[in-house]
Amino acid sequence: MAEVLHDRLANTAAFYSLAMAGWAGLFAVRGRGVDGGYLGAAVIGEGLLVTQALLGVFLVLGGQAGALERPGLHVLYGVMAALVWPGLFTVTRRRPGRREAVLFAAGALFLWGLVLRAAATGAVR
């Protein structure tokens, strides 16, 4: 059950980050910075990633993650994914405007790739 939930949350995180990239891209095209609604959605996305990580820790502690092909790489991708939005917020904190939107769009696309790679390395042997 927990393995299925972990897998489904990975799919959700991938689609969510792709949607966030598109949303930030719209802000960039319009020449504006991201607004409070976008930042709130990023906080929700971060909560999704933290929940995913906690579920992964639960699987490891329960001995259900022993069949991962490359567990170290899987964990590295997961940790990096959880740091993307806080990192973007820190970097763009004093730079509102189009550049902020471009950085959030690029960061969300990077996050999308990380989530996909984490899912690929999480495939059971």
PDB file of N, CA and C in Angstrom:
ATOM      1  N   MET A   1       0.821  -1.199   0.000  1.00  0.00           N
ATOM      2  CA  MET A   1       0.000   0.000   0.000  1.00  0.00           C
ATOM      3  C   MET A   1       0.865   1.263   0.000  1.00  0.00           C
ATOM      4  N   ALA A   2       1.845   1.320   0.899  1.00  0.00           N
ATOM      5  CA  ALA A   2       2.705   2.499   0.989  1.00  0.00           C
ATOM      6  C   ALA A   2       3.548   2.663  -0.271  1.00  0.00           C
ATOM      7  N   GLU A   3       3.962   1.545  -0.866  1.00  0.00           N
ATOM      8  CA  GLU A   3       4.746   1.625  -2.103  1.00  0.00           C
ATOM      9  C   GLU A   3       3.921   2.215  -3.238  1.00  0.00           C
ATOM     10  N   VAL A   4       2.667   1.826  -3.315  1.00  0.00           N
ATOM     11  CA  VAL A   4       1.774   2.348  -4.357  1.00  0.00           C
ATOM     12  C   VAL A   4       1.547   3.844  -4.134  1.00  0.00           C
ATOM     13  N   LEU A   5       1.340   4.244  -2.891  1.00  0.00           N
ATOM     14  CA  LEU A   5       1.139   5.657  -2.588  1.00  0.00           C
ATOM     15  C   LEU A   5       2.389   6.468  -2.935  1.00  0.00           C
ATOM     16  N   HIS A   6       3.560   5.926  -2.617  1.00  0.00           N
ATOM     17  CA  HIS A   6       4.822   6.592  -2.939  1.00  0.00           C
ATOM     18  C   HIS A   6       4.953   6.773  -4.456  1.00  0.00           C
ATOM     19  N   ASP A   7       4.583   5.769  -5.194  1.00  0.00           N
ATOM     20  CA  ASP A   7       4.626   5.839  -6.653  1.00  0.00           C
ATOM     21  C   ASP A   7       3.635   6.869  -7.196  1.00  0.00           C
ATOM     22  N   ARG A   8       2.438   6.877  -6.676  1.00  0.00           N
ATOM     23  CA  ARG A   8       1.408   7.810  -7.149  1.00  0.00           C
ATOM     24  C   ARG A   8       1.767   9.253  -6.787  1.00  0.00           C
ATOM     25  N   LEU A   9       2.346   9.447  -5.615  1.00  0.00           N
ATOM     26  CA  LEU A   9       2.777  10.789  -5.240  1.00  0.00           C
ATOM     27  C   LEU A   9       3.895  11.286  -6.145  1.00  0.00           C
ATOM     28  N   ALA A  10       4.743  10.383  -6.618  1.00  0.00           N
ATOM     29  CA  ALA A  10       5.791  10.765  -7.568  1.00  0.00           C
ATOM     30  C   ALA A  10       5.167  11.261  -8.866  1.00  0.00           C
ATOM     31  N   ASN A  11       4.148  10.569  -9.350  1.00  0.00           N
ATOM     32  CA  ASN A  11       3.445  11.021 -10.560  1.00  0.00           C
ATOM     33  C   ASN A  11       2.808  12.390 -10.337  1.00  0.00           C
ATOM     34  N   THR A  12       2.187  12.558  -9.177  1.00  0.00           N
ATOM     35  CA  THR A  12       1.558  13.834  -8.846  1.00  0.00           C
ATOM     36  C   THR A  12       2.589  14.950  -8.801  1.00  0.00           C
ATOM     37  N   ALA A  13       3.733  14.684  -8.177  1.00  0.00           N
ATOM     38  CA  ALA A  13       4.795  15.695  -8.088  1.00  0.00           C
ATOM     39  C   ALA A  13       5.321  16.056  -9.468  1.00  0.00           C
ATOM     40  N   ALA A  14       5.431  15.094 -10.353  1.00  0.00           N
ATOM     41  CA  ALA A  14       5.921  15.372 -11.704  1.00  0.00           C
ATOM     42  C   ALA A  14       4.937  16.272 -12.447  1.00  0.00           C
ATOM     43  N   PHE A  15       3.666  15.937 -12.436  1.00  0.00           N
ATOM     44  CA  PHE A  15       2.666  16.759 -13.123  1.00  0.00           C
ATOM     45  C   PHE A  15       2.552  18.144 -12.485  1.00  0.00           C
ATOM     46  N   TYR A  16       2.625  18.186 -11.170  1.00  0.00           N
ATOM     47  CA  TYR A  16       2.504  19.448 -10.441  1.00  0.00           C
ATOM     48  C   TYR A  16       3.654  20.387 -10.803  1.00  0.00           C
ATOM     49  N   SER A  17       4.878  19.869 -10.812  1.00  0.00           N
ATOM     50  CA  SER A  17       6.022  20.724 -11.124  1.00  0.00           C
ATOM     51  C   SER A  17       5.978  21.193 -12.578  1.00  0.00           C
ATOM     52  N   LEU A  18       5.493  20.364 -13.476  1.00  0.00           N
ATOM     53  CA  LEU A  18       5.359  20.772 -14.872  1.00  0.00           C
ATOM     54  C   LEU A  18       4.312  21.890 -15.007  1.00  0.00           C
ATOM     55  N   ALA A  19       3.214  21.759 -14.286  1.00  0.00           N
ATOM     56  CA  ALA A  19       2.192  22.807 -14.302  1.00  0.00           C
ATOM     57  C   ALA A  19       2.737  24.104 -13.697  1.00  0.00           C
ATOM     58  N   MET A  20       3.530  23.992 -12.648  1.00  0.00           N
ATOM     59  CA  MET A  20       4.127  25.170 -12.023  1.00  0.00           C
ATOM     60  C   MET A  20       5.109  25.852 -12.981  1.00  0.00           C
ATOM     61  N   ALA A  21       5.829  25.067 -13.773  1.00  0.00           N
ATOM     62  CA  ALA A  21       6.747  25.642 -14.756  1.00  0.00           C
ATOM     63  C   ALA A  21       5.966  26.439 -15.804  1.00  0.00           C
ATOM     64  N   GLY A  22       4.869  25.878 -16.263  1.00  0.00           N
ATOM     65  CA  GLY A  22       4.039  26.584 -17.235  1.00  0.00           C
ATOM     66  C   GLY A  22       3.453  27.865 -16.671  1.00  0.00           C
ATOM     67  N   TRP A  23       3.016  27.806 -15.426  1.00  0.00           N
ATOM     68  CA  TRP A  23       2.426  28.974 -14.777  1.00  0.00           C
ATOM     69  C   TRP A  23       3.476  30.091 -14.640  1.00  0.00           C
ATOM     70  N   ALA A  24       4.665  29.735 -14.169  1.00  0.00           N
ATOM     71  CA  ALA A  24       5.734  30.735 -14.050  1.00  0.00           C
ATOM     72  C   ALA A  24       6.142  31.244 -15.432  1.00  0.00           C
ATOM     73  N   GLY A  25       6.097  30.367 -16.426  1.00  0.00           N
ATOM     74  CA  GLY A  25       6.396  30.793 -17.788  1.00  0.00           C
ATOM     75  C   GLY A  25       5.417  31.853 -18.286  1.00  0.00           C
ATOM     76  N   LEU A  26       4.154  31.719 -17.922  1.00  0.00           N
ATOM     77  CA  LEU A  26       3.167  32.738 -18.295  1.00  0.00           C
ATOM     78  C   LEU A  26       3.491  34.078 -17.650  1.00  0.00           C
ATOM     79  N   PHE A  27       3.902  34.040 -16.382  1.00  0.00           N
ATOM     80  CA  PHE A  27       4.315  35.284 -15.726  1.00  0.00           C
ATOM     81  C   PHE A  27       5.494  35.907 -16.470  1.00  0.00           C
ATOM     82  N   ALA A  28       6.449  35.079 -16.869  1.00  0.00           N
ATOM     83  CA  ALA A  28       7.637  35.588 -17.566  1.00  0.00           C
ATOM     84  C   ALA A  28       7.274  36.208 -18.906  1.00  0.00           C
ATOM     85  N   VAL A  29       6.394  35.547 -19.649  1.00  0.00           N
ATOM     86  CA  VAL A  29       5.972  36.069 -20.954  1.00  0.00           C
ATOM     87  C   VAL A  29       5.278  37.414 -20.783  1.00  0.00           C
ATOM     88  N   ARG A  30       4.537  37.565 -19.731  1.00  0.00           N
ATOM     89  CA  ARG A  30       3.838  38.834 -19.468  1.00  0.00           C
ATOM     90  C   ARG A  30       4.763  39.898 -18.874  1.00  0.00           C
ATOM     91  N   GLY A  31       6.011  39.501 -18.562  1.00  0.00           N
ATOM     92  CA  GLY A  31       6.967  40.461 -18.029  1.00  0.00           C
ATOM     93  C   GLY A  31       6.771  40.779 -16.561  1.00  0.00           C
ATOM     94  N   ARG A  32       6.134  39.894 -15.835  1.00  0.00           N
ATOM     95  CA  ARG A  32       5.858  40.126 -14.413  1.00  0.00           C
ATOM     96  C   ARG A  32       6.562  39.077 -13.568  1.00  0.00           C
ATOM     97  N   GLY A  33       6.706  39.378 -12.292  1.00  0.00           N
ATOM     98  CA  GLY A  33       7.201  38.403 -11.335  1.00  0.00           C
ATOM     99  C   GLY A  33       6.064  37.520 -10.863  1.00  0.00           C
ATOM    100  N   VAL A  34       6.396  36.465 -10.160  1.00  0.00           N
ATOM    101  CA  VAL A  34       5.366  35.575  -9.642  1.00  0.00           C
ATOM    102  C   VAL A  34       4.615  36.293  -8.524  1.00  0.00           C
ATOM    103  N   ASP A  35       3.369  35.896  -8.314  1.00  0.00           N
ATOM    104  CA  ASP A  35       2.562  36.539  -7.283  1.00  0.00           C
ATOM    105  C   ASP A  35       2.408  35.626  -6.069  1.00  0.00           C
ATOM    106  N   GLY A  36       1.650  36.077  -5.108  1.00  0.00           N
ATOM    107  CA  GLY A  36       1.450  35.318  -3.879  1.00  0.00           C
ATOM    108  C   GLY A  36       0.746  33.988  -4.108  1.00  0.00           C
ATOM    109  N   GLY A  37      -0.134  33.951  -5.089  1.00  0.00           N
ATOM    110  CA  GLY A  37      -0.813  32.690  -5.412  1.00  0.00           C
ATOM    111  C   GLY A  37       0.172  31.635  -5.885  1.00  0.00           C
ATOM    112  N   TYR A  38       1.110  32.060  -6.713  1.00  0.00           N
ATOM    113  CA  TYR A  38       2.130  31.121  -7.201  1.00  0.00           C
ATOM    114  C   TYR A  38       3.006  30.645  -6.043  1.00  0.00           C
ATOM    115  N   LEU A  39       3.431  31.576  -5.199  1.00  0.00           N
ATOM    116  CA  LEU A  39       4.287  31.184  -4.075  1.00  0.00           C
ATOM    117  C   LEU A  39       3.545  30.248  -3.116  1.00  0.00           C
ATOM    118  N   GLY A  40       2.246  30.490  -2.932  1.00  0.00           N
ATOM    119  CA  GLY A  40       1.449  29.580  -2.111  1.00  0.00           C
ATOM    120  C   GLY A  40       1.365  28.193  -2.725  1.00  0.00           C
ATOM    121  N   ALA A  41       1.227  28.143  -4.044  1.00  0.00           N
ATOM    122  CA  ALA A  41       1.197  26.854  -4.740  1.00  0.00           C
ATOM    123  C   ALA A  41       2.556  26.159  -4.625  1.00  0.00           C
ATOM    124  N   ALA A  42       3.637  26.937  -4.624  1.00  0.00           N
ATOM    125  CA  ALA A  42       4.968  26.351  -4.448  1.00  0.00           C
ATOM    126  C   ALA A  42       5.108  25.750  -3.046  1.00  0.00           C
ATOM    127  N   VAL A  43       4.525  26.397  -2.053  1.00  0.00           N
ATOM    128  CA  VAL A  43       4.545  25.847  -0.691  1.00  0.00           C
ATOM    129  C   VAL A  43       3.768  24.535  -0.646  1.00  0.00           C
ATOM    130  N   ILE A  44       2.644  24.477  -1.336  1.00  0.00           N
ATOM    131  CA  ILE A  44       1.870  23.235  -1.404  1.00  0.00           C
ATOM    132  C   ILE A  44       2.694  22.152  -2.096  1.00  0.00           C
ATOM    133  N   GLY A  45       3.373  22.503  -3.181  1.00  0.00           N
ATOM    134  CA  GLY A  45       4.242  21.548  -3.876  1.00  0.00           C
ATOM    135  C   GLY A  45       5.374  21.064  -2.982  1.00  0.00           C
ATOM    136  N   GLU A  46       5.933  21.967  -2.189  1.00  0.00           N
ATOM    137  CA  GLU A  46       6.991  21.572  -1.259  1.00  0.00           C
ATOM    138  C   GLU A  46       6.437  20.596  -0.219  1.00  0.00           C
ATOM    139  N   GLY A  47       5.217  20.838   0.238  1.00  0.00           N
ATOM    140  CA  GLY A  47       4.583  19.906   1.171  1.00  0.00           C
ATOM    141  C   GLY A  47       4.400  18.533   0.548  1.00  0.00           C
ATOM    142  N   LEU A  48       4.057  18.508  -0.720  1.00  0.00           N
ATOM    143  CA  LEU A  48       3.927  17.244  -1.448  1.00  0.00           C
ATOM    144  C   LEU A  48       5.259  16.506  -1.492  1.00  0.00           C
ATOM    145  N   LEU A  49       6.334  17.239  -1.773  1.00  0.00           N
ATOM    146  CA  LEU A  49       7.661  16.612  -1.844  1.00  0.00           C
ATOM    147  C   LEU A  49       8.131  16.124  -0.472  1.00  0.00           C
ATOM    148  N   VAL A  50       7.850  16.885   0.567  1.00  0.00           N
ATOM    149  CA  VAL A  50       8.238  16.460   1.920  1.00  0.00           C
ATOM    150  C   VAL A  50       7.437  15.230   2.329  1.00  0.00           C
ATOM    151  N   THR A  51       6.152  15.207   1.993  1.00  0.00           N
ATOM    152  CA  THR A  51       5.338  14.024   2.273  1.00  0.00           C
ATOM    153  C   THR A  51       5.889  12.810   1.534  1.00  0.00           C
ATOM    154  N   GLN A  52       6.282  13.012   0.295  1.00  0.00           N
ATOM    155  CA  GLN A  52       6.882  11.940  -0.510  1.00  0.00           C
ATOM    156  C   GLN A  52       8.161  11.423   0.166  1.00  0.00           C
ATOM    157  N   ALA A  53       8.989  12.342   0.645  1.00  0.00           N
ATOM    158  CA  ALA A  53      10.237  11.952   1.304  1.00  0.00           C
ATOM    159  C   ALA A  53       9.963  11.188   2.602  1.00  0.00           C
ATOM    160  N   LEU A  54       9.021  11.663   3.396  1.00  0.00           N
ATOM    161  CA  LEU A  54       8.685  10.974   4.649  1.00  0.00           C
ATOM    162  C   LEU A  54       8.138   9.578   4.380  1.00  0.00           C
ATOM    163  N   LEU A  55       7.352   9.444   3.346  1.00  0.00           N
ATOM    164  CA  LEU A  55       6.839   8.126   2.976  1.00  0.00           C
ATOM    165  C   LEU A  55       7.980   7.218   2.536  1.00  0.00           C
ATOM    166  N   GLY A  56       8.956   7.779   1.813  1.00  0.00           N
ATOM    167  CA  GLY A  56      10.125   7.007   1.419  1.00  0.00           C
ATOM    168  C   GLY A  56      10.930   6.534   2.628  1.00  0.00           C
ATOM    169  N   VAL A  57      11.097   7.405   3.608  1.00  0.00           N
ATOM    170  CA  VAL A  57      11.803   7.022   4.842  1.00  0.00           C
ATOM    171  C   VAL A  57      11.030   5.908   5.550  1.00  0.00           C
ATOM    172  N   PHE A  58       9.719   6.025   5.578  1.00  0.00           N
ATOM    173  CA  PHE A  58       8.878   4.978   6.177  1.00  0.00           C
ATOM    174  C   PHE A  58       9.085   3.637   5.472  1.00  0.00           C
ATOM    175  N   LEU A  59       9.180   3.674   4.141  1.00  0.00           N
ATOM    176  CA  LEU A  59       9.406   2.445   3.378  1.00  0.00           C
ATOM    177  C   LEU A  59      10.777   1.843   3.685  1.00  0.00           C
ATOM    178  N   VAL A  60      11.781   2.696   3.788  1.00  0.00           N
ATOM    179  CA  VAL A  60      13.129   2.200   4.094  1.00  0.00           C
ATOM    180  C   VAL A  60      13.164   1.597   5.497  1.00  0.00           C
ATOM    181  N   LEU A  61      12.605   2.293   6.460  1.00  0.00           N
ATOM    182  CA  LEU A  61      12.611   1.788   7.839  1.00  0.00           C
ATOM    183  C   LEU A  61      11.780   0.520   7.983  1.00  0.00           C
ATOM    184  N   GLY A  62      10.767   0.377   7.151  1.00  0.00           N
ATOM    185  CA  GLY A  62       9.936  -0.821   7.166  1.00  0.00           C
ATOM    186  C   GLY A  62      10.529  -1.973   6.375  1.00  0.00           C
ATOM    187  N   GLY A  63      11.687  -1.732   5.772  1.00  0.00           N
ATOM    188  CA  GLY A  63      12.343  -2.786   5.009  1.00  0.00           C
ATOM    189  C   GLY A  63      11.714  -3.070   3.663  1.00  0.00           C
ATOM    190  N   GLN A  64      10.887  -2.176   3.182  1.00  0.00           N
ATOM    191  CA  GLN A  64      10.193  -2.406   1.914  1.00  0.00           C
ATOM    192  C   GLN A  64      10.912  -1.803   0.718  1.00  0.00           C
ATOM    193  N   ALA A  65      12.033  -1.127   0.947  1.00  0.00           N
ATOM    194  CA  ALA A  65      12.727  -0.459  -0.155  1.00  0.00           C
ATOM    195  C   ALA A  65      14.045  -1.151  -0.485  1.00  0.00           C
ATOM    196  N   GLY A  66      14.215  -2.378  -0.062  1.00  0.00           N
ATOM    197  CA  GLY A  66      15.466  -3.079  -0.265  1.00  0.00           C
ATOM    198  C   GLY A  66      15.724  -3.505  -1.697  1.00  0.00           C
ATOM    199  N   ALA A  67      14.723  -3.479  -2.550  1.00  0.00           N
ATOM    200  CA  ALA A  67      14.890  -3.967  -3.918  1.00  0.00           C
ATOM    201  C   ALA A  67      15.202  -2.850  -4.910  1.00  0.00           C
ATOM    202  N   LEU A  68      15.492  -1.653  -4.415  1.00  0.00           N
ATOM    203  CA  LEU A  68      15.821  -0.564  -5.328  1.00  0.00           C
ATOM    204  C   LEU A  68      17.127  -0.858  -6.043  1.00  0.00           C
ATOM    205  N   GLU A  69      17.155  -0.504  -7.313  1.00  0.00           N
ATOM    206  CA  GLU A  69      18.348  -0.765  -8.105  1.00  0.00           C
ATOM    207  C   GLU A  69      19.510   0.128  -7.683  1.00  0.00           C
ATOM    208  N   ARG A  70      19.248   1.431  -7.500  1.00  0.00           N
ATOM    209  CA  ARG A  70      20.275   2.383  -7.068  1.00  0.00           C
ATOM    210  C   ARG A  70      19.705   3.251  -5.954  1.00  0.00           C
ATOM    211  N   PRO A  71      19.675   2.752  -4.723  1.00  0.00           N
ATOM    212  CA  PRO A  71      19.028   3.500  -3.637  1.00  0.00           C
ATOM    213  C   PRO A  71      19.704   4.829  -3.319  1.00  0.00           C
ATOM    214  N   GLY A  72      21.033   4.880  -3.386  1.00  0.00           N
ATOM    215  CA  GLY A  72      21.726   6.124  -3.074  1.00  0.00           C
ATOM    216  C   GLY A  72      21.382   7.239  -4.036  1.00  0.00           C
ATOM    217  N   LEU A  73      21.323   6.919  -5.308  1.00  0.00           N
ATOM    218  CA  LEU A  73      20.975   7.905  -6.320  1.00  0.00           C
ATOM    219  C   LEU A  73      19.517   8.334  -6.187  1.00  0.00           C
ATOM    220  N   HIS A  74      18.666   7.392  -5.855  1.00  0.00           N
ATOM    221  CA  HIS A  74      17.247   7.691  -5.654  1.00  0.00           C
ATOM    222  C   HIS A  74      17.080   8.702  -4.511  1.00  0.00           C
ATOM    223  N   VAL A  75      17.785   8.473  -3.419  1.00  0.00           N
ATOM    224  CA  VAL A  75      17.707   9.381  -2.272  1.00  0.00           C
ATOM    225  C   VAL A  75      18.291  10.746  -2.636  1.00  0.00           C
ATOM    226  N   LEU A  76      19.397  10.767  -3.363  1.00  0.00           N
ATOM    227  CA  LEU A  76      19.999  12.033  -3.777  1.00  0.00           C
ATOM    228  C   LEU A  76      19.023  12.853  -4.615  1.00  0.00           C
ATOM    229  N   TYR A  77      18.381  12.232  -5.577  1.00  0.00           N
ATOM    230  CA  TYR A  77      17.396  12.944  -6.389  1.00  0.00           C
ATOM    231  C   TYR A  77      16.252  13.462  -5.524  1.00  0.00           C
ATOM    232  N   GLY A  78      15.810  12.667  -4.573  1.00  0.00           N
ATOM    233  CA  GLY A  78      14.721  13.093  -3.692  1.00  0.00           C
ATOM    234  C   GLY A  78      15.105  14.271  -2.814  1.00  0.00           C
ATOM    235  N   VAL A  79      16.301  14.245  -2.275  1.00  0.00           N
ATOM    236  CA  VAL A  79      16.763  15.362  -1.433  1.00  0.00           C
ATOM    237  C   VAL A  79      16.896  16.629  -2.274  1.00  0.00           C
ATOM    238  N   MET A  80      17.475  16.497  -3.454  1.00  0.00           N
ATOM    239  CA  MET A  80      17.623  17.662  -4.331  1.00  0.00           C
ATOM    240  C   MET A  80      16.248  18.228  -4.716  1.00  0.00           C
ATOM    241  N   ALA A  81      15.298  17.357  -4.985  1.00  0.00           N
ATOM    242  CA  ALA A  81      13.957  17.811  -5.358  1.00  0.00           C
ATOM    243  C   ALA A  81      13.333  18.628  -4.226  1.00  0.00           C
ATOM    244  N   ALA A  82      13.530  18.185  -2.996  1.00  0.00           N
ATOM    245  CA  ALA A  82      12.952  18.890  -1.852  1.00  0.00           C
ATOM    246  C   ALA A  82      13.615  20.244  -1.608  1.00  0.00           C
ATOM    247  N   LEU A  83      14.781  20.471  -2.183  1.00  0.00           N
ATOM    248  CA  LEU A  83      15.500  21.736  -1.973  1.00  0.00           C
ATOM    249  C   LEU A  83      15.280  22.754  -3.089  1.00  0.00           C
ATOM    250  N   VAL A  84      14.623  22.374  -4.172  1.00  0.00           N
ATOM    251  CA  VAL A  84      14.489  23.276  -5.328  1.00  0.00           C
ATOM    252  C   VAL A  84      13.678  24.519  -4.987  1.00  0.00           C
ATOM    253  N   TRP A  85      12.445  24.370  -4.503  1.00  0.00           N
ATOM    254  CA  TRP A  85      11.615  25.550  -4.262  1.00  0.00           C
ATOM    255  C   TRP A  85      12.142  26.422  -3.127  1.00  0.00           C
ATOM    256  N   PRO A  86      12.603  25.869  -2.007  1.00  0.00           N
ATOM    257  CA  PRO A  86      13.214  26.763  -1.009  1.00  0.00           C
ATOM    258  C   PRO A  86      14.440  27.493  -1.560  1.00  0.00           C
ATOM    259  N   GLY A  87      15.225  26.815  -2.382  1.00  0.00           N
ATOM    260  CA  GLY A  87      16.379  27.464  -2.993  1.00  0.00           C
ATOM    261  C   GLY A  87      15.979  28.587  -3.926  1.00  0.00           C
ATOM    262  N   LEU A  88      14.959  28.347  -4.736  1.00  0.00           N
ATOM    263  CA  LEU A  88      14.475  29.389  -5.646  1.00  0.00           C
ATOM    264  C   LEU A  88      13.946  30.593  -4.878  1.00  0.00           C
ATOM    265  N   PHE A  89      13.222  30.340  -3.821  1.00  0.00           N
ATOM    266  CA  PHE A  89      12.694  31.437  -3.017  1.00  0.00           C
ATOM    267  C   PHE A  89      13.831  32.254  -2.414  1.00  0.00           C
ATOM    268  N   THR A  90      14.865  31.583  -1.938  1.00  0.00           N
ATOM    269  CA  THR A  90      16.006  32.272  -1.345  1.00  0.00           C
ATOM    270  C   THR A  90      16.748  33.113  -2.389  1.00  0.00           C
ATOM    271  N   VAL A  91      16.959  32.552  -3.558  1.00  0.00           N
ATOM    272  CA  VAL A  91      17.699  33.261  -4.606  1.00  0.00           C
ATOM    273  C   VAL A  91      16.910  34.452  -5.154  1.00  0.00           C
ATOM    274  N   THR A  92      15.610  34.330  -5.281  1.00  0.00           N
ATOM    275  CA  THR A  92      14.808  35.375  -5.929  1.00  0.00           C
ATOM    276  C   THR A  92      14.150  36.320  -4.941  1.00  0.00           C
ATOM    277  N   ARG A  93      14.429  36.188  -3.690  1.00  0.00           N
ATOM    278  CA  ARG A  93      13.726  36.943  -2.661  1.00  0.00           C
ATOM    279  C   ARG A  93      13.764  38.460  -2.872  1.00  0.00           C
ATOM    280  N   ARG A  94      14.839  38.968  -3.329  1.00  0.00           N
ATOM    281  CA  ARG A  94      14.965  40.412  -3.507  1.00  0.00           C
ATOM    282  C   ARG A  94      15.026  40.811  -4.980  1.00  0.00           C
ATOM    283  N   ARG A  95      14.527  39.953  -5.846  1.00  0.00           N
ATOM    284  CA  ARG A  95      14.567  40.234  -7.291  1.00  0.00           C
ATOM    285  C   ARG A  95      13.197  40.020  -7.927  1.00  0.00           C
ATOM    286  N   PRO A  96      12.209  40.797  -7.537  1.00  0.00           N
ATOM    287  CA  PRO A  96      10.906  40.618  -8.182  1.00  0.00           C
ATOM    288  C   PRO A  96      10.951  41.073  -9.633  1.00  0.00           C
ATOM    289  N   GLY A  97      10.102  40.502 -10.430  1.00  0.00           N
ATOM    290  CA  GLY A  97      10.020  40.885 -11.836  1.00  0.00           C
ATOM    291  C   GLY A  97      10.166  39.682 -12.747  1.00  0.00           C
ATOM    292  N   ARG A  98      10.406  39.981 -13.995  1.00  0.00           N
ATOM    293  CA  ARG A  98      10.470  38.938 -15.023  1.00  0.00           C
ATOM    294  C   ARG A  98      11.552  37.907 -14.724  1.00  0.00           C
ATOM    295  N   ARG A  99      12.714  38.348 -14.252  1.00  0.00           N
ATOM    296  CA  ARG A  99      13.809  37.420 -13.943  1.00  0.00           C
ATOM    297  C   ARG A  99      13.369  36.383 -12.902  1.00  0.00           C
ATOM    298  N   GLU A 100      12.614  36.829 -11.915  1.00  0.00           N
ATOM    299  CA  GLU A 100      12.099  35.915 -10.892  1.00  0.00           C
ATOM    300  C   GLU A 100      11.223  34.837 -11.530  1.00  0.00           C
ATOM    301  N   ALA A 101      10.335  35.244 -12.428  1.00  0.00           N
ATOM    302  CA  ALA A 101       9.439  34.294 -13.089  1.00  0.00           C
ATOM    303  C   ALA A 101      10.220  33.312 -13.951  1.00  0.00           C
ATOM    304  N   VAL A 102      11.238  33.814 -14.651  1.00  0.00           N
ATOM    305  CA  VAL A 102      12.062  32.932 -15.486  1.00  0.00           C
ATOM    306  C   VAL A 102      12.792  31.915 -14.619  1.00  0.00           C
ATOM    307  N   LEU A 103      13.335  32.361 -13.490  1.00  0.00           N
ATOM    308  CA  LEU A 103      14.041  31.433 -12.597  1.00  0.00           C
ATOM    309  C   LEU A 103      13.096  30.383 -12.010  1.00  0.00           C
ATOM    310  N   PHE A 104      11.892  30.797 -11.638  1.00  0.00           N
ATOM    311  CA  PHE A 104      10.921  29.819 -11.123  1.00  0.00           C
ATOM    312  C   PHE A 104      10.484  28.841 -12.206  1.00  0.00           C
ATOM    313  N   ALA A 105      10.316  29.320 -13.430  1.00  0.00           N
ATOM    314  CA  ALA A 105       9.943  28.417 -14.522  1.00  0.00           C
ATOM    315  C   ALA A 105      11.056  27.408 -14.784  1.00  0.00           C
ATOM    316  N   ALA A 106      12.294  27.890 -14.855  1.00  0.00           N
ATOM    317  CA  ALA A 106      13.430  26.986 -15.085  1.00  0.00           C
ATOM    318  C   ALA A 106      13.604  26.021 -13.916  1.00  0.00           C
ATOM    319  N   GLY A 107      13.446  26.533 -12.704  1.00  0.00           N
ATOM    320  CA  GLY A 107      13.576  25.677 -11.529  1.00  0.00           C
ATOM    321  C   GLY A 107      12.508  24.592 -11.471  1.00  0.00           C
ATOM    322  N   ALA A 108      11.281  24.951 -11.840  1.00  0.00           N
ATOM    323  CA  ALA A 108      10.207  23.961 -11.839  1.00  0.00           C
ATOM    324  C   ALA A 108      10.431  22.909 -12.925  1.00  0.00           C
ATOM    325  N   LEU A 109      10.977  23.317 -14.071  1.00  0.00           N
ATOM    326  CA  LEU A 109      11.325  22.332 -15.098  1.00  0.00           C
ATOM    327  C   LEU A 109      12.446  21.414 -14.614  1.00  0.00           C
ATOM    328  N   PHE A 110      13.422  21.982 -13.925  1.00  0.00           N
ATOM    329  CA  PHE A 110      14.495  21.183 -13.336  1.00  0.00           C
ATOM    330  C   PHE A 110      13.919  20.193 -12.330  1.00  0.00           C
ATOM    331  N   LEU A 111      12.985  20.675 -11.512  1.00  0.00           N
ATOM    332  CA  LEU A 111      12.331  19.814 -10.531  1.00  0.00           C
ATOM    333  C   LEU A 111      11.574  18.680 -11.217  1.00  0.00           C
ATOM    334  N   TRP A 112      10.904  18.988 -12.305  1.00  0.00           N
ATOM    335  CA  TRP A 112      10.201  17.965 -13.077  1.00  0.00           C
ATOM    336  C   TRP A 112      11.169  16.868 -13.502  1.00  0.00           C
ATOM    337  N   GLY A 113      12.323  17.266 -14.020  1.00  0.00           N
ATOM    338  CA  GLY A 113      13.340  16.282 -14.413  1.00  0.00           C
ATOM    339  C   GLY A 113      13.858  15.480 -13.245  1.00  0.00           C
ATOM    340  N   LEU A 114      14.066  16.135 -12.112  1.00  0.00           N
ATOM    341  CA  LEU A 114      14.531  15.413 -10.919  1.00  0.00           C
ATOM    342  C   LEU A 114      13.522  14.363 -10.466  1.00  0.00           C
ATOM    343  N   VAL A 115      12.255  14.749 -10.469  1.00  0.00           N
ATOM    344  CA  VAL A 115      11.218  13.802 -10.038  1.00  0.00           C
ATOM    345  C   VAL A 115      11.150  12.610 -10.996  1.00  0.00           C
ATOM    346  N   LEU A 116      11.257  12.876 -12.284  1.00  0.00           N
ATOM    347  CA  LEU A 116      11.251  11.772 -13.253  1.00  0.00           C
ATOM    348  C   LEU A 116      12.460  10.861 -13.070  1.00  0.00           C
ATOM    349  N   ARG A 117      13.638  11.449 -12.833  1.00  0.00           N
ATOM    350  CA  ARG A 117      14.844  10.645 -12.614  1.00  0.00           C
ATOM    351  C   ARG A 117      14.742   9.852 -11.309  1.00  0.00           C
ATOM    352  N   ALA A 118      14.184  10.472 -10.279  1.00  0.00           N
ATOM    353  CA  ALA A 118      14.017   9.749  -9.019  1.00  0.00           C
ATOM    354  C   ALA A 118      13.083   8.556  -9.209  1.00  0.00           C
ATOM    355  N   ALA A 119      12.032   8.751  -9.980  1.00  0.00           N
ATOM    356  CA  ALA A 119      11.112   7.639 -10.247  1.00  0.00           C
ATOM    357  C   ALA A 119      11.800   6.549 -11.046  1.00  0.00           C
ATOM    358  N   ALA A 120      12.641   6.943 -12.001  1.00  0.00           N
ATOM    359  CA  ALA A 120      13.343   5.951 -12.818  1.00  0.00           C
ATOM    360  C   ALA A 120      14.345   5.161 -11.988  1.00  0.00           C
ATOM    361  N   THR A 121      15.057   5.823 -11.086  1.00  0.00           N
ATOM    362  CA  THR A 121      16.022   5.104 -10.250  1.00  0.00           C
ATOM    363  C   THR A 121      15.343   4.340  -9.129  1.00  0.00           C
ATOM    364  N   GLY A 122      14.081   4.660  -8.883  1.00  0.00           N
ATOM    365  CA  GLY A 122      13.342   3.945  -7.865  1.00  0.00           C
ATOM    366  C   GLY A 122      12.679   2.674  -8.380  1.00  0.00           C
ATOM    367  N   ALA A 123      12.874   2.385  -9.654  1.00  0.00           N
ATOM    368  CA  ALA A 123      12.286   1.173 -10.228  1.00  0.00           C
ATOM    369  C   ALA A 123      12.865  -0.067  -9.551  1.00  0.00           C
ATOM    370  N   VAL A 124      12.006  -0.978  -9.235  1.00  0.00           N
ATOM    371  CA  VAL A 124      12.416  -2.209  -8.564  1.00  0.00           C
ATOM    372  C   VAL A 124      13.100  -3.134  -9.568  1.00  0.00           C
ATOM    373  N   ARG A 125      14.153  -3.767  -9.106  1.00  0.00           N
ATOM    374  CA  ARG A 125      14.921  -4.697  -9.980  1.00  0.00           C
ATOM    375  C   ARG A 125      14.080  -5.803 -10.524  1.00  0.00           C
TER     376      ARG A 125
END
